[in-house]
Protein backbone atom coordinates (compact mmCIF):
# COMPACT_ATOMS: atom_id res chain seq x y z
CA MET A 1 34.46 0.86 5.70
CA PRO A 2 35.27 -2.64 4.55
CA ALA A 3 35.86 -3.34 0.87
CA THR A 4 32.59 -3.92 -1.10
CA GLU A 5 32.13 -7.23 -2.48
CA PRO A 6 30.86 -7.59 -6.19
CA SER A 7 27.30 -6.77 -6.57
CA GLU A 8 26.77 -9.99 -8.55
CA PRO A 9 29.05 -12.73 -7.18
CA GLN A 10 30.42 -15.48 -9.05
CA ARG A 11 27.69 -18.25 -9.60
CA THR A 12 28.70 -21.62 -8.21
CA SER A 13 25.97 -23.67 -9.84
CA THR A 14 24.29 -22.60 -12.85
CA ALA A 15 21.66 -25.00 -12.81
CA THR A 16 20.04 -23.64 -9.59
CA LEU A 17 20.03 -19.98 -10.87
CA PRO A 18 17.87 -18.06 -13.36
CA PRO A 19 18.85 -17.70 -16.78
CA PRO A 20 21.48 -15.22 -17.69
CA ALA A 21 20.54 -11.62 -18.88
CA GLU A 22 19.51 -11.34 -22.56
CA SER A 23 21.74 -9.56 -25.02
CA ALA A 24 20.97 -6.01 -25.73
CA ALA A 25 19.68 -6.98 -29.21
CA THR A 26 17.14 -9.47 -27.67
CA ALA A 27 15.99 -7.09 -24.90
CA SER A 28 13.33 -5.33 -27.07
CA GLY A 29 11.06 -2.40 -26.74
CA ARG A 30 8.19 -4.97 -26.10
CA LEU A 31 9.84 -6.04 -22.95
CA MET A 32 10.22 -2.34 -21.96
CA LEU A 33 6.57 -1.49 -22.75
CA SER A 34 5.48 -4.43 -20.88
CA ILE A 35 7.57 -3.42 -17.51
CA ALA A 36 6.52 0.19 -17.85
CA GLY A 37 2.78 -0.65 -18.66
CA SER A 38 2.37 -3.10 -15.74
CA GLN A 39 4.00 -0.52 -13.22
CA PHE A 40 1.73 2.26 -14.59
CA GLY A 41 -1.29 0.45 -13.84
CA ILE A 42 -0.23 -0.53 -10.13
CA ALA A 43 1.06 3.04 -9.66
CA THR A 44 -2.32 4.40 -10.99
CA VAL A 45 -3.85 2.98 -7.86
CA TYR A 46 -1.28 4.57 -5.56
CA GLY A 47 -1.98 7.88 -7.21
CA ALA A 48 -5.72 7.77 -7.14
CA VAL A 49 -6.32 6.17 -3.60
CA PRO A 50 -4.13 7.23 -0.81
CA GLY A 51 -3.86 10.80 -1.80
CA LEU A 52 -7.09 11.79 -2.93
CA LEU A 53 -10.08 9.03 -2.84
CA LEU A 54 -9.11 7.69 0.55
CA ALA A 55 -8.62 11.23 1.79
CA LEU A 56 -12.21 12.24 0.47
CA GLN A 57 -13.61 9.29 1.97
CA ILE A 58 -12.02 9.85 5.17
CA GLU A 59 -13.07 13.61 5.16
CA HIS A 60 -16.56 12.46 4.91
CA LEU A 61 -16.53 9.81 7.51
CA ALA A 62 -14.19 11.20 10.03
CA GLY A 63 -14.78 14.97 9.64
CA ASP A 64 -12.38 17.21 11.57
CA ASP A 65 -10.29 14.21 12.62
CA LYS A 66 -9.42 13.57 8.88
CA ALA A 67 -5.66 14.38 9.19
CA GLY A 68 -5.14 11.72 12.17
CA VAL A 69 -7.02 9.26 10.68
CA LEU A 70 -5.54 9.20 7.36
CA SER A 71 -2.11 9.06 9.04
CA LEU A 72 -3.41 6.02 11.07
CA PHE A 73 -4.59 4.42 7.52
CA THR A 74 -1.27 5.01 5.84
CA LEU A 75 0.84 3.69 8.66
CA ALA A 76 -1.19 0.41 8.33
CA GLY A 77 -0.58 0.24 4.77
CA ALA A 78 3.18 0.87 5.07
CA VAL A 79 3.55 -2.14 7.49
CA THR A 80 1.71 -4.11 5.09
CA SER A 81 4.03 -3.09 2.49
CA LEU A 82 7.01 -4.03 4.58
CA ILE A 83 5.76 -7.62 4.78
CA ALA A 84 4.31 -8.01 1.27
CA GLN A 85 7.38 -6.73 -0.87
CA PRO A 86 10.11 -9.25 0.44
CA LEU A 87 7.74 -12.10 1.04
CA ALA A 88 6.55 -12.06 -2.59
CA GLY A 89 10.17 -11.71 -3.70
CA PHE A 90 11.20 -14.65 -1.63
CA LEU A 91 8.14 -16.73 -3.10
CA SER A 92 8.85 -15.63 -6.80
CA ASP A 93 12.47 -16.52 -6.80
CA ARG A 94 11.38 -19.87 -6.04
CA THR A 95 8.15 -20.28 -8.25
CA ARG A 96 8.45 -22.54 -11.43
CA THR A 97 5.59 -22.11 -13.79
CA ARG A 98 4.94 -22.17 -17.59
CA SER A 99 4.76 -18.20 -17.26
CA GLY A 100 8.05 -18.04 -15.38
CA SER A 101 8.58 -16.89 -11.92
CA ARG A 102 7.45 -13.18 -12.35
CA THR A 103 4.11 -12.93 -14.26
CA PRO A 104 2.07 -15.09 -11.70
CA TYR A 105 2.89 -12.63 -8.92
CA VAL A 106 2.39 -9.53 -11.30
CA LEU A 107 -0.76 -10.60 -12.69
CA GLY A 108 -2.05 -12.32 -9.57
CA GLY A 109 -1.80 -9.49 -7.24
CA SER A 110 -3.60 -7.07 -9.78
CA LEU A 111 -6.34 -9.76 -10.10
CA LEU A 112 -6.86 -9.90 -6.30
CA ALA A 113 -6.71 -6.11 -6.12
CA ALA A 114 -9.67 -5.41 -8.23
CA PRO A 115 -12.50 -6.63 -6.03
CA VAL A 116 -10.89 -5.33 -2.91
CA LEU A 117 -10.84 -1.82 -4.76
CA TRP A 118 -14.52 -2.06 -5.98
CA ALA A 119 -15.64 -3.04 -2.48
CA MET A 120 -13.88 0.11 -0.91
CA GLY A 121 -16.12 2.21 -3.10
CA TRP A 122 -19.45 1.13 -1.38
CA THR A 123 -18.25 0.87 2.21
CA GLN A 124 -19.51 3.50 4.68
CA SER A 125 -17.37 2.24 7.89
CA LEU A 126 -14.07 3.43 8.71
CA VAL A 127 -13.01 0.00 10.07
CA VAL A 128 -14.36 -1.81 6.74
CA LEU A 129 -12.41 0.88 4.70
CA ALA A 130 -9.14 0.06 6.70
CA VAL A 131 -9.22 -3.46 6.15
CA LEU A 132 -10.00 -3.30 2.59
CA TYR A 133 -7.41 -0.73 2.06
CA VAL A 134 -4.68 -2.76 4.01
CA ALA A 135 -5.61 -5.76 1.66
CA SER A 136 -5.17 -3.72 -1.30
CA GLU A 137 -1.75 -2.52 -0.21
CA PHE A 138 -0.70 -6.04 0.30
CA VAL A 139 -1.56 -7.53 -2.78
CA LEU A 140 -0.21 -4.66 -5.21
CA SER A 141 3.11 -4.51 -3.19
CA ALA A 142 3.50 -8.23 -3.64
CA ALA A 143 3.25 -7.47 -7.48
CA GLN A 144 6.02 -4.82 -7.57
CA GLY A 145 8.91 -6.76 -6.39
CA PRO A 146 8.69 -9.42 -8.81
CA LEU A 147 8.01 -7.04 -11.78
CA ALA A 148 11.19 -5.07 -10.82
CA ALA A 149 13.24 -8.28 -10.90
CA VAL A 150 12.48 -8.71 -14.66
CA ILE A 151 15.23 -6.08 -15.39
CA PRO A 152 18.13 -7.97 -13.84
CA ASP A 153 16.75 -11.16 -14.91
CA ARG A 154 16.56 -10.16 -18.59
CA VAL A 155 18.49 -6.92 -19.34
CA PRO A 156 22.24 -6.38 -19.39
CA VAL A 157 23.82 -3.89 -16.93
CA GLU A 158 24.91 -1.47 -19.62
CA ARG A 159 21.25 -1.15 -20.85
CA ARG A 160 19.56 -1.06 -17.28
CA GLY A 161 19.42 2.81 -17.13
CA ARG A 162 16.99 3.23 -19.91
CA TYR A 163 14.82 0.07 -18.87
CA SER A 164 14.86 1.50 -15.20
CA ALA A 165 13.69 4.78 -16.72
CA ALA A 166 10.77 2.88 -18.40
CA LEU A 167 9.87 1.43 -14.86
CA GLY A 168 10.34 4.99 -13.19
CA LEU A 169 8.18 6.49 -15.75
CA GLY A 170 5.55 3.91 -15.16
CA ILE A 171 5.51 4.66 -11.54
CA LEU A 172 5.63 8.42 -11.84
CA LEU A 173 3.24 8.83 -14.84
CA GLY A 174 0.85 6.16 -13.16
CA SER A 175 0.77 7.96 -9.93
CA VAL A 176 0.03 11.17 -11.92
CA ALA A 177 -2.79 9.69 -14.08
CA GLY A 178 -4.17 8.05 -11.17
CA THR A 179 -4.58 11.57 -9.33
CA VAL A 180 -5.95 12.92 -12.37
CA LEU A 181 -8.40 10.02 -12.77
CA GLY A 182 -9.30 10.10 -9.11
CA SER A 183 -10.01 13.71 -9.28
CA VAL A 184 -12.16 13.48 -12.42
CA THR A 185 -14.32 10.47 -11.10
CA SER A 186 -14.27 11.62 -7.46
CA GLY A 187 -17.96 12.86 -7.61
CA ASP A 188 -18.97 9.25 -7.50
CA LEU A 189 -16.74 6.97 -5.56
CA HIS A 190 -18.42 3.83 -6.75
CA ILE A 191 -17.37 4.60 -10.35
CA ALA A 192 -13.99 5.92 -9.27
CA TYR A 193 -12.96 2.83 -7.55
CA LEU A 194 -14.57 0.59 -10.27
CA VAL A 195 -12.30 2.17 -12.90
CA VAL A 196 -9.19 2.43 -10.87
CA GLY A 197 -9.52 -1.41 -9.91
CA CYS A 198 -9.58 -2.46 -13.60
CA ILE A 199 -6.43 -0.66 -14.84
CA PRO A 200 -3.81 -2.61 -13.01
CA LEU A 201 -5.38 -5.88 -14.08
CA ALA A 202 -5.60 -4.94 -17.74
CA LEU A 203 -2.01 -3.70 -18.18
CA ALA A 204 -0.62 -6.51 -16.15
CA GLY A 205 -2.38 -9.02 -18.18
CA SER A 206 -0.84 -7.49 -21.15
CA ARG A 207 2.48 -8.87 -20.11
CA LEU A 208 1.43 -12.27 -21.34
CA PHE A 209 1.20 -11.09 -24.93
CA LEU A 210 3.80 -8.24 -25.24
CA ALA A 211 7.00 -10.01 -23.42
CA PRO A 212 6.17 -13.25 -21.68
CA ASP A 213 8.60 -14.51 -19.24
CA PRO A 214 10.45 -17.77 -20.26
CA ASP A 215 9.01 -21.05 -18.97
CA ASN A 216 11.18 -22.09 -15.88
CA ARG A 217 9.60 -25.25 -14.87
CA SER A 218 12.86 -27.28 -15.59
CA ALA A 219 14.83 -25.09 -13.53
CA VAL A 220 16.33 -26.30 -10.16
CA ARG A 221 15.31 -24.61 -7.10
CA THR A 222 17.52 -22.17 -5.28
CA ALA A 223 20.13 -23.58 -2.93
CA GLN A 224 18.46 -22.26 0.25
CA ILE A 225 15.44 -24.35 -0.17
CA ALA A 226 17.49 -27.37 -1.20
CA THR A 227 19.68 -27.32 1.91
CA GLY A 228 16.73 -26.61 4.14
CA THR A 229 18.10 -23.19 5.29
CA ARG A 230 15.39 -21.57 7.49
CA TRP A 231 13.37 -19.27 5.08
CA TRP A 232 13.65 -16.27 7.21
CA ARG A 233 17.41 -16.21 7.16
CA THR A 234 17.48 -15.55 3.63
CA PHE A 235 15.99 -12.20 4.08
CA LEU A 236 19.30 -11.15 5.93
CA VAL A 237 21.87 -9.20 3.91
CA SER A 238 24.99 -8.32 5.96
CA PRO A 239 25.78 -4.59 6.19
CA ARG A 240 29.47 -5.33 6.64
CA SER A 241 29.58 -7.87 3.58
CA HIS A 242 27.28 -5.67 1.41
CA PRO A 243 27.32 -2.11 2.47
CA ASP A 244 26.52 -0.62 -0.89
CA PHE A 245 22.99 -2.47 -0.59
CA TRP A 246 22.29 -0.68 2.57
CA TRP A 247 23.55 2.88 1.48
CA VAL A 248 21.16 2.49 -1.55
CA LEU A 249 18.27 1.51 0.65
CA GLY A 250 18.80 4.31 3.02
CA SER A 251 19.12 6.86 0.14
CA ARG A 252 15.94 5.61 -1.57
CA ALA A 253 13.96 5.69 1.48
CA LEU A 254 14.95 9.30 2.47
CA THR A 255 14.57 10.75 -0.93
CA TYR A 256 11.10 9.15 -1.49
CA THR A 257 10.13 10.37 1.92
CA GLY A 258 10.82 14.02 1.00
CA PHE A 259 9.05 13.80 -2.40
CA PHE A 260 5.92 12.04 -0.80
CA MET A 261 5.52 14.27 2.17
CA ILE A 262 4.38 16.93 -0.34
CA ASN A 263 2.83 14.53 -3.13
CA GLY A 264 0.84 12.53 -0.52
CA TYR A 265 -0.60 15.73 1.11
CA GLY A 266 -1.15 17.62 -1.91
CA LEU A 267 -5.03 18.03 -1.50
CA TYR A 268 -4.81 19.15 2.05
CA LEU A 269 -1.94 21.61 1.34
CA LEU A 270 -3.69 23.38 -1.42
CA ASP A 271 -6.94 23.56 0.55
CA GLU A 272 -5.68 24.88 3.84
CA TYR A 273 -2.08 26.13 3.31
CA ILE A 274 -2.34 27.64 0.00
CA GLY A 275 -5.84 28.61 0.98
CA LEU A 276 -7.94 27.28 -2.22
CA GLY A 277 -10.74 25.86 -0.09
CA ASP A 278 -13.04 23.74 -2.11
CA ASP A 279 -11.20 24.75 -5.40
CA ALA A 280 -8.32 22.61 -4.25
CA VAL A 281 -9.78 19.52 -5.82
CA ASP A 282 -9.82 21.31 -9.20
CA MET A 283 -6.25 22.28 -8.83
CA VAL A 284 -4.99 18.88 -7.96
CA PRO A 285 -5.37 17.58 -11.52
CA ILE A 286 -3.39 20.67 -12.94
CA ALA A 287 -0.45 20.11 -10.51
CA ALA A 288 -0.52 16.36 -11.65
CA GLY A 289 -0.33 17.50 -15.32
CA ILE A 290 2.50 19.78 -14.95
CA ALA A 291 4.26 16.96 -12.93
CA ALA A 292 3.65 14.52 -15.86
CA LEU A 293 5.06 16.83 -18.42
CA CYS A 294 8.26 17.38 -16.23
CA ILE A 295 8.60 13.77 -15.62
CA CYS A 296 8.60 12.96 -19.29
CA VAL A 297 11.07 15.51 -19.94
CA SER A 298 13.64 14.23 -17.43
CA THR A 299 13.15 10.53 -16.71
CA VAL A 300 14.16 8.92 -20.05
CA PRO A 301 17.00 11.15 -21.02
CA ALA A 302 18.49 10.77 -17.52
CA GLY A 303 18.56 6.98 -17.91
CA ILE A 304 20.06 7.02 -21.49
CA VAL A 305 22.68 9.59 -20.44
CA SER A 306 23.51 7.50 -17.32
CA ASP A 307 23.97 4.57 -19.49
CA ARG A 308 26.31 6.30 -22.12
CA VAL A 309 28.54 7.86 -19.39
CA GLY A 310 28.50 4.77 -17.26
CA ARG A 311 27.75 6.76 -14.08
CA ARG A 312 24.90 6.47 -11.55
CA LYS A 313 25.80 8.35 -8.45
CA ILE A 314 26.37 12.01 -9.81
CA PHE A 315 22.64 11.81 -11.23
CA VAL A 316 21.19 10.50 -8.05
CA CYS A 317 23.00 13.09 -5.82
CA ALA A 318 22.21 16.06 -8.22
CA ALA A 319 18.51 15.04 -8.34
CA SER A 320 18.26 14.84 -4.41
CA ALA A 321 19.76 18.23 -3.96
CA THR A 322 17.54 19.84 -6.49
CA MET A 323 14.48 18.40 -5.01
CA ALA A 324 15.55 19.65 -1.62
CA VAL A 325 15.79 23.24 -2.92
CA GLY A 326 12.59 23.02 -4.79
CA LEU A 327 10.65 21.76 -1.62
CA LEU A 328 11.33 25.04 0.07
CA ILE A 329 9.72 27.33 -2.70
CA PRO A 330 5.99 27.42 -0.99
CA LEU A 331 7.63 28.15 2.45
CA ILE A 332 8.88 31.33 0.81
CA TRP A 333 5.96 31.83 -1.74
CA PRO A 334 2.93 30.39 -0.26
CA THR A 335 0.85 30.95 -3.26
CA VAL A 336 -0.69 28.78 -6.01
CA THR A 337 2.27 30.10 -8.34
CA GLY A 338 4.85 29.24 -5.81
CA TYR A 339 3.17 25.83 -5.28
CA LEU A 340 3.17 24.94 -8.98
CA THR A 341 6.78 26.26 -9.22
CA MET A 342 7.85 23.58 -6.59
CA ILE A 343 5.97 20.87 -8.59
CA VAL A 344 7.93 21.72 -11.60
CA VAL A 345 11.29 21.67 -9.97
CA ILE A 346 10.75 18.52 -7.92
CA ALA A 347 9.10 16.58 -10.89
CA LEU A 348 12.12 17.24 -12.94
CA ALA A 349 14.50 16.18 -10.15
CA PHE A 350 12.39 13.04 -9.13
CA GLY A 351 12.15 11.94 -12.67
CA CYS A 352 15.80 11.87 -12.81
CA PHE A 353 16.49 10.26 -9.60
CA GLU A 354 13.74 7.57 -10.16
CA SER A 355 15.38 6.43 -13.41
CA VAL A 356 19.04 6.23 -12.35
CA ASP A 357 18.40 4.95 -8.82
CA ASN A 358 16.54 1.94 -10.39
CA ALA A 359 19.57 1.01 -12.35
CA LEU A 360 21.75 1.56 -9.42
CA LEU A 361 19.95 -0.71 -7.07
CA THR A 362 20.21 -3.59 -9.75
CA GLN A 363 24.08 -3.32 -9.45
CA VAL A 364 24.20 -3.63 -5.84
CA LEU A 365 22.12 -6.73 -5.52
CA PRO A 366 24.06 -9.23 -3.24
CA ARG A 367 22.73 -12.66 -4.70
CA SER A 368 22.18 -13.56 -8.26
CA ASP A 369 19.72 -16.31 -7.52
CA SER A 370 17.47 -13.91 -5.17
CA TYR A 371 16.83 -10.95 -7.29
CA ALA A 372 13.16 -10.42 -6.75
CA GLN A 373 13.63 -10.85 -2.94
CA ASP A 374 16.38 -8.52 -2.46
CA ILE A 375 14.65 -5.99 -4.90
CA GLY A 376 11.75 -6.62 -2.58
CA VAL A 377 13.49 -5.32 0.35
CA LEU A 378 14.90 -2.53 -1.67
CA ASN A 379 11.48 -1.73 -2.96
CA VAL A 380 10.19 -1.15 0.70
CA ALA A 381 12.51 1.67 0.71
CA ALA A 382 10.31 3.11 -2.19
CA ILE A 383 6.97 1.96 -1.49
CA ALA A 384 6.82 2.44 2.37
CA PRO A 385 7.65 6.12 2.04
CA GLN A 386 4.67 6.65 -0.34
CA ILE A 387 2.48 5.67 2.39
CA LEU A 388 4.48 6.64 5.41
CA ALA A 389 5.50 10.17 4.31
CA PRO A 390 1.59 11.40 4.38
CA ALA A 391 1.45 9.72 7.84
CA LEU A 392 4.57 11.66 8.90
CA ALA A 393 3.12 15.05 7.47
CA GLY A 394 -0.12 14.32 9.10
CA ALA A 395 1.57 13.94 12.66
CA LEU A 396 3.53 17.32 11.84
CA VAL A 397 0.16 18.97 11.25
CA VAL A 398 -1.60 17.50 14.13
CA GLY A 399 1.35 18.36 16.43
CA THR A 400 1.96 21.86 15.27
CA ASP A 401 -1.66 22.81 13.97
CA SER A 402 0.17 24.14 11.02
CA TYR A 403 1.31 22.88 7.43
CA ALA A 404 4.40 24.87 7.15
CA LEU A 405 6.85 22.49 8.62
CA ILE A 406 6.05 19.84 5.96
CA PHE A 407 8.36 21.79 3.45
CA PRO A 408 11.50 21.98 5.50
CA ALA A 409 11.17 18.36 6.76
CA GLY A 410 10.76 17.09 2.94
CA THR A 411 14.12 19.07 1.97
CA LEU A 412 15.78 17.58 5.02
CA PHE A 413 15.16 13.97 3.96
CA ALA A 414 15.91 14.77 0.33
CA LEU A 415 19.28 16.08 1.20
CA LEU A 416 20.11 13.18 3.62
CA GLY A 417 19.19 10.77 0.63
CA GLY A 418 21.47 12.50 -1.73
CA LEU A 419 24.31 12.25 0.97
CA SER A 420 23.62 8.49 1.64
CA VAL A 421 24.45 7.52 -2.12
CA LEU A 422 27.85 9.02 -1.97
CA ARG A 423 28.93 6.17 0.45
CA VAL A 424 28.36 3.61 -2.31
CA ARG A 425 31.77 2.29 -3.37
CA GLY A 426 30.89 -0.53 -6.09
CA VAL A 427 29.27 1.70 -8.58
CA ARG A 428 30.53 4.98 -10.12
C-alpha cells in the first residue's frame, strides 16, 4: 500500500480557496445547533417516508407485490442520490453569494422538497408516486453534501468530533422522529406528507439566523473552473494517491447497509417475522423511541471522547463489531423482546459510529478547495444504503420467501465495515 498523502494538502493559492477554519472559540454552539437542526429536518423525511409512509402507500396500491415494488422504488431513489450528492457539492464549492456557498443548497433543497412531498400524499398512481419520490430524494440529497461541508469549512480538526456528533445526532434523531411522526399521522396520508414536508424547510431556514455562512462573493473561483478542466474529472479521486478516502467510503457504505437493512424494513419485520400483524404499526414508534434514547446516550459522548484522546478508528471498529453482534439477536430470539433488545444494541453502536465516522471523513478529504464535492461523494456511501438496504432486504425476502436472512446479511456488512476502516493510515 503506498504511503498516504496528507488529507488536507498544502494550499498553493489562498485566494482561490474557502476561508480557513474558525478558531475553537469562534465555532459556537449556535453553529452546532444550526448544523444539527438542518440535518434533523432532512432526516425526518427519510425516517417518515421510505420506511413507513411510502411502504404503507405501496401496500395499499400494490397489494401482495409490496416488497418487490418497494425495492424498485428505493433502488430508483438510490441512483438519484448517487447523482445529486456529488453534483450539488461540485456546484456548492463554486457558488458565490451573500449567504455563502452552502446555505443556498441546504435551504433551496428543502424548499423544493416541500411541494413534492405534499403531492405524494394525494397521488393514487404508482407511476406518479415513483416520480415524486425520486424528485424528493434528489433535492434533499442535494442539500446534505453542502451542509456537511460546513464542518471542515468552519470547525478546527481538534473539535470536529463533537460537531460531527451533532450532525450525526441530527441524522439519527431526525430519522427516529420521522418514524414516530409517520406512525402517528399514518391514518391520513394527506396530513402526514403536509407536516413532513414543512419540517426540513423550517429548520433549514433557521440557519440564516443562528449561524449564517459568511458572504463569499469576493472569493476567486476554484482552479478547476479557472483553467477550464473538464468538470467531470473533478469527481475523480485517485485510489493510489488517496487510499484513506476510499477505505473510509467503503467502511461507511458497508456499515450503513448493515444497519439500514433492519431499520428500513422494520414495519414488515415486525408484521411478518415477529408476527405482530396489524399491531406492527403501533410497535414501530416504540422501537423508534428506544432507539432515540440509546442514540442520545452514545452519540455525543463518543464524539467528545474521540476528540480528547485524538483517535477515531478504534471507536468506528468497536461500533461496527457491536452492531454486527446485535443484528443476530432476533435470529436467535424471534420475539418482540428480542427485536427490542437488538434495537438497543445497534442504536448504541450506530450512535457511536455516526459521530466518530463523520469526524474521520473530514480528515481524509483529498482537496481543501472541494470540501462539499468530496463530502458529497463520501455521503453517497451513507445515503445510498439508507435507500439500497431495504431494496436488498426486499430481494432476499422475495428470493427466499423468508425474512430470516436479513439478520445475518446485516451482520456480515457491519463486520466488513469495521475491518475496512483498519486500512486507514493517515488518521489514528
